[in-house]
C-alpha atoms as a PDB file:
ATOM      1  CA  UNK A   1     -47.670 -28.249  34.817  1.00  0.00           C
ATOM      2  CA  UNK A   2     -46.704 -30.303  37.997  1.00  0.00           C
ATOM      3  CA  UNK A   3     -47.918 -29.442  41.672  1.00  0.00           C
ATOM      4  CA  UNK A   4     -46.350 -30.445  44.959  1.00  0.00           C
ATOM      5  CA  UNK A   5     -48.926 -33.007  45.530  1.00  0.00           C
ATOM      6  CA  UNK A   6     -48.261 -34.185  42.184  1.00  0.00           C
ATOM      7  CA  UNK A   7     -44.648 -34.579  42.549  1.00  0.00           C
ATOM      8  CA  UNK A   8     -45.339 -36.256  46.154  1.00  0.00           C
ATOM      9  CA  UNK A   9     -47.751 -38.888  44.499  1.00  0.00           C
ATOM     10  CA  UNK A  10     -45.197 -39.869  41.765  1.00  0.00           C
ATOM     11  CA  UNK A  11     -42.398 -40.551  44.496  1.00  0.00           C
ATOM     12  CA  UNK A  12     -44.631 -42.308  46.775  1.00  0.00           C
ATOM     13  CA  UNK A  13     -46.224 -44.371  43.767  1.00  0.00           C
ATOM     14  CA  UNK A  14     -42.994 -44.612  42.209  1.00  0.00           C
ATOM     15  CA  UNK A  15     -44.523 -43.968  39.010  1.00  0.00           C
ATOM     16  CA  UNK A  16     -42.592 -42.398  35.876  1.00  0.00           C
ATOM     17  CA  UNK A  17     -42.374 -38.419  34.727  1.00  0.00           C
ATOM     18  CA  UNK A  18     -44.429 -40.056  31.718  1.00  0.00           C
ATOM     19  CA  UNK A  19     -47.121 -41.614  34.062  1.00  0.00           C
ATOM     20  CA  UNK A  20     -47.181 -38.138  35.939  1.00  0.00           C
ATOM     21  CA  UNK A  21     -47.698 -36.454  32.794  1.00  0.00           C
ATOM     22  CA  UNK A  22     -50.775 -38.797  32.021  1.00  0.00           C
ATOM     23  CA  UNK A  23     -52.326 -37.912  35.369  1.00  0.00           C
ATOM     24  CA  UNK A  24     -51.936 -34.764  35.141  1.00  0.00           C
ATOM     25  CA  UNK A  25     -53.421 -34.525  31.395  1.00  0.00           C
ATOM     26  CA  UNK A  26     -56.226 -36.292  32.873  1.00  0.00           C
ATOM     27  CA  UNK A  27     -56.693 -34.026  35.940  1.00  0.00           C
ATOM     28  CA  UNK A  28     -56.847 -30.859  33.424  1.00  0.00           C
ATOM     29  CA  UNK A  29     -59.585 -32.775  31.486  1.00  0.00           C
ATOM     30  CA  UNK A  30     -61.476 -33.605  34.457  1.00  0.00           C
ATOM     31  CA  UNK A  31     -61.464 -30.223  35.614  1.00  0.00           C
ATOM     32  CA  UNK A  32     -62.532 -29.364  32.061  1.00  0.00           C
ATOM     33  CA  UNK A  33     -65.531 -31.426  32.044  1.00  0.00           C
ATOM     34  CA  UNK A  34     -66.592 -31.430  35.645  1.00  0.00           C
ATOM     35  CA  UNK A  35     -68.925 -28.184  35.818  1.00  0.00           C
ATOM     36  CA  UNK A  36     -71.032 -29.913  32.992  1.00  0.00           C
ATOM     37  CA  UNK A  37     -71.357 -33.296  34.199  1.00  0.00           C
ATOM     38  CA  UNK A  38     -70.356 -33.292  37.744  1.00  0.00           C
ATOM     39  CA  UNK A  39     -67.998 -36.323  37.592  1.00  0.00           C
ATOM     40  CA  UNK A  40     -66.446 -35.354  41.173  1.00  0.00           C
ATOM     41  CA  UNK A  41     -67.950 -33.004  44.185  1.00  0.00           C
ATOM     42  CA  UNK A  42     -66.809 -29.594  43.487  1.00  0.00           C
ATOM     43  CA  UNK A  43     -65.824 -29.287  46.830  1.00  0.00           C
ATOM     44  CA  UNK A  44     -62.618 -32.197  46.697  1.00  0.00           C
ATOM     45  CA  UNK A  45     -61.195 -30.502  43.519  1.00  0.00           C
ATOM     46  CA  UNK A  46     -58.406 -28.542  45.380  1.00  0.00           C
ATOM     47  CA  UNK A  47     -57.822 -31.794  47.203  1.00  0.00           C
ATOM     48  CA  UNK A  48     -58.106 -34.327  44.576  1.00  0.00           C
ATOM     49  CA  UNK A  49     -54.264 -35.586  44.531  1.00  0.00           C
ATOM     50  CA  UNK A  50     -54.550 -36.651  48.599  1.00  0.00           C
ATOM     51  CA  UNK A  51     -58.417 -37.711  47.856  1.00  0.00           C
ATOM     52  CA  UNK A  52     -59.209 -39.272  44.604  1.00  0.00           C
ATOM     53  CA  UNK A  53     -55.906 -40.108  42.826  1.00  0.00           C
ATOM     54  CA  UNK A  54     -54.389 -41.267  46.337  1.00  0.00           C
ATOM     55  CA  UNK A  55     -57.421 -43.553  46.717  1.00  0.00           C
ATOM     56  CA  UNK A  56     -57.257 -44.845  43.234  1.00  0.00           C
ATOM     57  CA  UNK A  57     -53.771 -45.868  43.670  1.00  0.00           C
ATOM     58  CA  UNK A  58     -53.782 -47.288  46.561  1.00  0.00           C
ATOM     59  CA  UNK A  59     -56.210 -49.914  45.113  1.00  0.00           C
ATOM     60  CA  UNK A  60     -54.191 -50.455  42.260  1.00  0.00           C
ATOM     61  CA  UNK A  61     -51.383 -51.713  44.978  1.00  0.00           C
ATOM     62  CA  UNK A  62     -53.294 -53.874  46.574  1.00  0.00           C
ATOM     63  CA  UNK A  63     -54.456 -55.792  43.240  1.00  0.00           C
ATOM     64  CA  UNK A  64     -52.377 -59.233  42.228  1.00  0.00           C
ATOM     65  CA  UNK A  65     -49.941 -58.654  39.759  1.00  0.00           C
ATOM     66  CA  UNK A  66     -50.385 -60.135  36.432  1.00  0.00           C
ATOM     67  CA  UNK A  67     -54.163 -59.320  37.034  1.00  0.00           C
ATOM     68  CA  UNK A  68     -54.942 -59.229  32.936  1.00  0.00           C
ATOM     69  CA  UNK A  69     -58.358 -57.812  33.172  1.00  0.00           C
ATOM     70  CA  UNK A  70     -59.697 -55.587  35.436  1.00  0.00           C
ATOM     71  CA  UNK A  71     -63.195 -54.606  35.699  1.00  0.00           C
ATOM     72  CA  UNK A  72     -64.197 -51.431  37.373  1.00  0.00           C
ATOM     73  CA  UNK A  73     -68.154 -50.646  38.000  1.00  0.00           C
ATOM     74  CA  UNK A  74     -69.806 -47.301  38.162  1.00  0.00           C
ATOM     75  CA  UNK A  75     -66.335 -45.892  36.878  1.00  0.00           C
ATOM     76  CA  UNK A  76     -67.846 -42.729  36.664  1.00  0.00           C
ATOM     77  CA  UNK A  77     -65.204 -39.647  36.517  1.00  0.00           C
ATOM     78  CA  UNK A  78     -62.618 -42.642  36.555  1.00  0.00           C
ATOM     79  CA  UNK A  79     -61.646 -43.249  39.739  1.00  0.00           C
ATOM     80  CA  UNK A  80     -60.214 -45.593  40.573  1.00  0.00           C
ATOM     81  CA  UNK A  81     -60.792 -47.187  36.842  1.00  0.00           C
ATOM     82  CA  UNK A  82     -58.860 -44.178  34.657  1.00  0.00           C
ATOM     83  CA  UNK A  83     -56.033 -44.186  37.303  1.00  0.00           C
ATOM     84  CA  UNK A  84     -55.481 -48.072  37.238  1.00  0.00           C
ATOM     85  CA  UNK A  85     -55.416 -47.993  33.514  1.00  0.00           C
ATOM     86  CA  UNK A  86     -52.792 -45.103  33.881  1.00  0.00           C
ATOM     87  CA  UNK A  87     -50.856 -47.006  36.153  1.00  0.00           C
ATOM     88  CA  UNK A  88     -51.228 -50.412  34.495  1.00  0.00           C
ATOM     89  CA  UNK A  89     -49.871 -48.648  31.550  1.00  0.00           C
ATOM     90  CA  UNK A  90     -46.827 -48.536  32.894  1.00  0.00           C
ATOM     91  CA  UNK A  91     -46.269 -51.489  35.164  1.00  0.00           C
ATOM     92  CA  UNK A  92     -48.811 -53.882  33.835  1.00  0.00           C
ATOM     93  CA  UNK A  93     -48.789 -53.052  30.154  1.00  0.00           C
ATOM     94  CA  UNK A  94     -51.087 -56.294  29.219  1.00  0.00           C
ATOM     95  CA  UNK A  95     -53.980 -55.297  31.634  1.00  0.00           C
ATOM     96  CA  UNK A  96     -56.548 -54.141  29.883  1.00  0.00           C
ATOM     97  CA  UNK A  97     -59.357 -52.289  32.194  1.00  0.00           C
ATOM     98  CA  UNK A  98     -63.050 -52.536  31.559  1.00  0.00           C
ATOM     99  CA  UNK A  99     -64.876 -49.208  32.684  1.00  0.00           C
ATOM    100  CA  UNK A 100     -68.734 -49.846  33.562  1.00  0.00           C
ATOM    101  CA  UNK A 101     -70.641 -46.952  33.428  1.00  0.00           C
ATOM    102  CA  UNK A 102     -74.212 -46.569  32.321  1.00  0.00           C
ATOM    103  CA  UNK A 103     -74.579 -42.715  32.101  1.00  0.00           C
ATOM    104  CA  UNK A 104     -73.832 -41.809  28.613  1.00  0.00           C
ATOM    105  CA  UNK A 105     -72.048 -38.620  29.442  1.00  0.00           C
ATOM    106  CA  UNK A 106     -69.805 -40.048  31.951  1.00  0.00           C
ATOM    107  CA  UNK A 107     -68.988 -42.720  29.471  1.00  0.00           C
ATOM    108  CA  UNK A 108     -68.161 -40.261  26.913  1.00  0.00           C
ATOM    109  CA  UNK A 109     -65.574 -38.579  29.435  1.00  0.00           C
ATOM    110  CA  UNK A 110     -64.205 -42.135  29.943  1.00  0.00           C
ATOM    111  CA  UNK A 111     -63.859 -42.383  26.428  1.00  0.00           C
ATOM    112  CA  UNK A 112     -62.496 -39.271  25.840  1.00  0.00           C
ATOM    113  CA  UNK A 113     -59.892 -39.850  28.478  1.00  0.00           C
ATOM    114  CA  UNK A 114     -58.755 -43.047  27.588  1.00  0.00           C
ATOM    115  CA  UNK A 115     -58.435 -41.982  24.047  1.00  0.00           C
ATOM    116  CA  UNK A 116     -56.088 -39.065  24.661  1.00  0.00           C
ATOM    117  CA  UNK A 117     -53.880 -40.688  26.503  1.00  0.00           C
ATOM    118  CA  UNK A 118     -53.806 -44.018  24.493  1.00  0.00           C
ATOM    119  CA  UNK A 119     -54.963 -46.232  27.549  1.00  0.00           C
ATOM    120  CA  UNK A 120     -55.840 -50.059  27.230  1.00  0.00           C
ATOM    121  CA  UNK A 121     -59.772 -49.498  28.421  1.00  0.00           C
ATOM    122  CA  UNK A 122     -63.137 -51.229  26.864  1.00  0.00           C
ATOM    123  CA  UNK A 123     -65.736 -48.102  28.143  1.00  0.00           C
ATOM    124  CA  UNK A 124     -69.035 -50.002  28.490  1.00  0.00           C
ATOM    125  CA  UNK A 125     -72.001 -47.644  28.611  1.00  0.00           C
ATOM    126  CA  UNK A 126     -74.709 -50.232  30.246  1.00  0.00           C
ATOM    127  CA  UNK A 127     -75.992 -51.121  33.261  1.00  0.00           C
ATOM    128  CA  UNK A 128     -74.194 -53.683  35.285  1.00  0.00           C
ATOM    129  CA  UNK A 129     -77.048 -55.991  35.055  1.00  0.00           C
ATOM    130  CA  UNK A 130     -77.191 -55.887  31.257  1.00  0.00           C
ATOM    131  CA  UNK A 131     -73.750 -57.043  30.141  1.00  0.00           C
ATOM    132  CA  UNK A 132     -72.360 -60.532  29.429  1.00  0.00           C
ATOM    133  CA  UNK A 133     -69.812 -62.178  31.839  1.00  0.00           C
ATOM    134  CA  UNK A 134     -66.646 -60.343  31.659  1.00  0.00           C
ATOM    135  CA  UNK A 135     -64.062 -63.082  33.425  1.00  0.00           C
ATOM    136  CA  UNK A 136     -62.193 -60.511  35.101  1.00  0.00           C
ATOM    137  CA  UNK A 137     -58.959 -61.160  37.616  1.00  0.00           C
ATOM    138  CA  UNK A 138     -60.267 -58.036  39.535  1.00  0.00           C
ATOM    139  CA  UNK A 139     -62.953 -56.226  40.212  1.00  0.00           C
ATOM    140  CA  UNK A 140     -63.311 -52.739  41.698  1.00  0.00           C
ATOM    141  CA  UNK A 141     -66.159 -50.219  42.842  1.00  0.00           C
ATOM    142  CA  UNK A 142     -65.853 -46.906  44.861  1.00  0.00           C
ATOM    143  CA  UNK A 143     -69.171 -45.099  46.506  1.00  0.00           C
ATOM    144  CA  UNK A 144     -71.190 -47.291  44.176  1.00  0.00           C
ATOM    145  CA  UNK A 145     -73.409 -49.364  46.427  1.00  0.00           C
ATOM    146  CA  UNK A 146     -73.810 -51.446  49.935  1.00  0.00           C
ATOM    147  CA  UNK A 147     -71.329 -54.590  50.005  1.00  0.00           C
ATOM    148  CA  UNK A 148     -74.039 -57.019  49.659  1.00  0.00           C
ATOM    149  CA  UNK A 149     -75.343 -55.304  46.134  1.00  0.00           C
ATOM    150  CA  UNK A 150     -71.420 -55.438  44.924  1.00  0.00           C
ATOM    151  CA  UNK A 151     -71.325 -59.056  45.745  1.00  0.00           C
ATOM    152  CA  UNK A 152     -74.266 -59.399  43.627  1.00  0.00           C
ATOM    153  CA  UNK A 153     -72.963 -57.314  40.871  1.00  0.00           C
ATOM    154  CA  UNK A 154     -69.442 -58.641  40.714  1.00  0.00           C
ATOM    155  CA  UNK A 155     -70.630 -62.810  40.878  1.00  0.00           C
ATOM    156  CA  UNK A 156     -71.183 -63.077  37.396  1.00  0.00           C
ATOM    157  CA  UNK A 157     -67.976 -61.354  36.315  1.00  0.00           C
ATOM    158  CA  UNK A 158     -65.156 -62.295  38.956  1.00  0.00           C
ATOM    159  CA  UNK A 159     -63.018 -65.300  38.129  1.00  0.00           C
ATOM    160  CA  UNK A 160     -63.116 -67.952  40.894  1.00  0.00           C
ATOM    161  CA  UNK A 161     -59.741 -67.222  41.979  1.00  0.00           C
ATOM    162  CA  UNK A 162     -60.275 -63.138  41.251  1.00  0.00           C
ATOM    163  CA  UNK A 163     -60.277 -60.588  43.474  1.00  0.00           C
ATOM    164  CA  UNK A 164     -62.499 -57.851  44.692  1.00  0.00           C
ATOM    165  CA  UNK A 165     -61.760 -54.624  45.937  1.00  0.00           C
ATOM    166  CA  UNK A 166     -64.043 -52.129  47.748  1.00  0.00           C
ATOM    167  CA  UNK A 167     -63.155 -48.734  49.246  1.00  0.00           C
ATOM    168  CA  UNK A 168     -65.810 -48.504  52.348  1.00  0.00           C
ATOM    169  CA  UNK A 169     -66.209 -45.735  55.042  1.00  0.00           C
ATOM    170  CA  UNK A 170     -67.055 -45.738  58.677  1.00  0.00           C
ATOM    171  CA  UNK A 171     -69.576 -48.147  58.551  1.00  0.00           C
ATOM    172  CA  UNK A 172     -67.998 -50.889  56.663  1.00  0.00           C
ATOM    173  CA  UNK A 173     -68.592 -53.402  59.819  1.00  0.00           C
ATOM    174  CA  UNK A 174     -72.036 -53.083  58.981  1.00  0.00           C
ATOM    175  CA  UNK A 175     -71.776 -53.814  55.682  1.00  0.00           C
ATOM    176  CA  UNK A 176     -69.737 -56.825  56.297  1.00  0.00           C
ATOM    177  CA  UNK A 177     -72.347 -58.229  58.730  1.00  0.00           C
ATOM    178  CA  UNK A 178     -75.240 -57.427  56.214  1.00  0.00           C
ATOM    179  CA  UNK A 179     -73.187 -59.078  53.711  1.00  0.00           C
ATOM    180  CA  UNK A 180     -72.623 -62.519  55.718  1.00  0.00           C
ATOM    181  CA  UNK A 181     -76.224 -62.804  55.791  1.00  0.00           C
ATOM    182  CA  UNK A 182     -76.008 -63.902  51.904  1.00  0.00           C
ATOM    183  CA  UNK A 183     -72.374 -64.557  51.138  1.00  0.00           C
ATOM    184  CA  UNK A 184     -69.679 -66.769  52.088  1.00  0.00           C
ATOM    185  CA  UNK A 185     -66.687 -65.221  51.610  1.00  0.00           C
ATOM    186  CA  UNK A 186     -62.979 -64.647  52.810  1.00  0.00           C
ATOM    187  CA  UNK A 187     -61.575 -61.005  53.254  1.00  0.00           C
ATOM    188  CA  UNK A 188     -59.077 -58.489  54.606  1.00  0.00           C
ATOM    189  CA  UNK A 189     -59.705 -54.699  55.730  1.00  0.00           C
ATOM    190  CA  UNK A 190     -56.946 -52.861  54.870  1.00  0.00           C
ATOM    191  CA  UNK A 191     -56.663 -49.298  56.165  1.00  0.00           C
ATOM    192  CA  UNK A 192     -56.988 -46.367  53.952  1.00  0.00           C
ATOM    193  CA  UNK A 193     -54.419 -44.324  53.167  1.00  0.00           C
ATOM    194  CA  UNK A 194     -56.636 -41.230  52.868  1.00  0.00           C
ATOM    195  CA  UNK A 195     -58.863 -41.982  55.894  1.00  0.00           C
ATOM    196  CA  UNK A 196     -57.920 -43.888  59.008  1.00  0.00           C
ATOM    197  CA  UNK A 197     -61.764 -44.580  59.660  1.00  0.00           C
ATOM    198  CA  UNK A 198     -62.267 -45.683  56.251  1.00  0.00           C
ATOM    199  CA  UNK A 199     -60.523 -49.494  54.622  1.00  0.00           C
ATOM    200  CA  UNK A 200     -60.244 -51.135  51.471  1.00  0.00           C
ATOM    201  CA  UNK A 201     -62.172 -54.541  51.610  1.00  0.00           C
ATOM    202  CA  UNK A 202     -60.293 -57.334  49.492  1.00  0.00           C
ATOM    203  CA  UNK A 203     -62.342 -60.094  49.089  1.00  0.00           C
ATOM    204  CA  UNK A 204     -61.809 -63.675  47.789  1.00  0.00           C
ATOM    205  CA  UNK A 205     -64.273 -66.622  46.990  1.00  0.00           C
ATOM    206  CA  UNK A 206     -67.644 -65.074  47.079  1.00  0.00           C
ATOM    207  CA  UNK A 207     -70.583 -67.488  47.256  1.00  0.00           C
ATOM    208  CA  UNK A 208     -73.849 -67.393  47.898  1.00  0.00           C
ATOM    209  CA  UNK A 209     -75.073 -69.168  51.300  1.00  0.00           C
END
């Protein structure tokens, strides 16, 4: 059953009824599993569309077109990775989304949603440090680690011309300064649609210095 929030989301991001139905089915599954696994904070369940879904869809919209392999680190409850996989099914059908999540219960949830919604995902139930290079065109991570640590995680897995997309909160400038001490990179800070104090950092060409 759809809601005004879901309809507004569909209009804002120009998605089909089929795609919206998949997102609604994902919402139902998340609410079913959440009491047992704590996929997202209980306090955020009521504003899930204006918070989690919006956050995830804006990241999708910032990625270059024709990115074939997208890796989402610390995929957790599937934000942004599962939302990206659902949107990709309509707009970038050749894309595969690698969902990296070491928590076995959360990775089981990601696999269940992927299977029930027929998504082109690859669920990797390992620690990021343990997996082989993913050769990704895009890497994302939401609420996983500080920017210096994220760049460390990302370096072995992102193509040289790839894009990293990291949502960051009000202290993002501090993290940027810390990262500059060990890394050289180009960045763009894009204001978040869900929080005026937050940004999505779009990063290219990260190299250790």
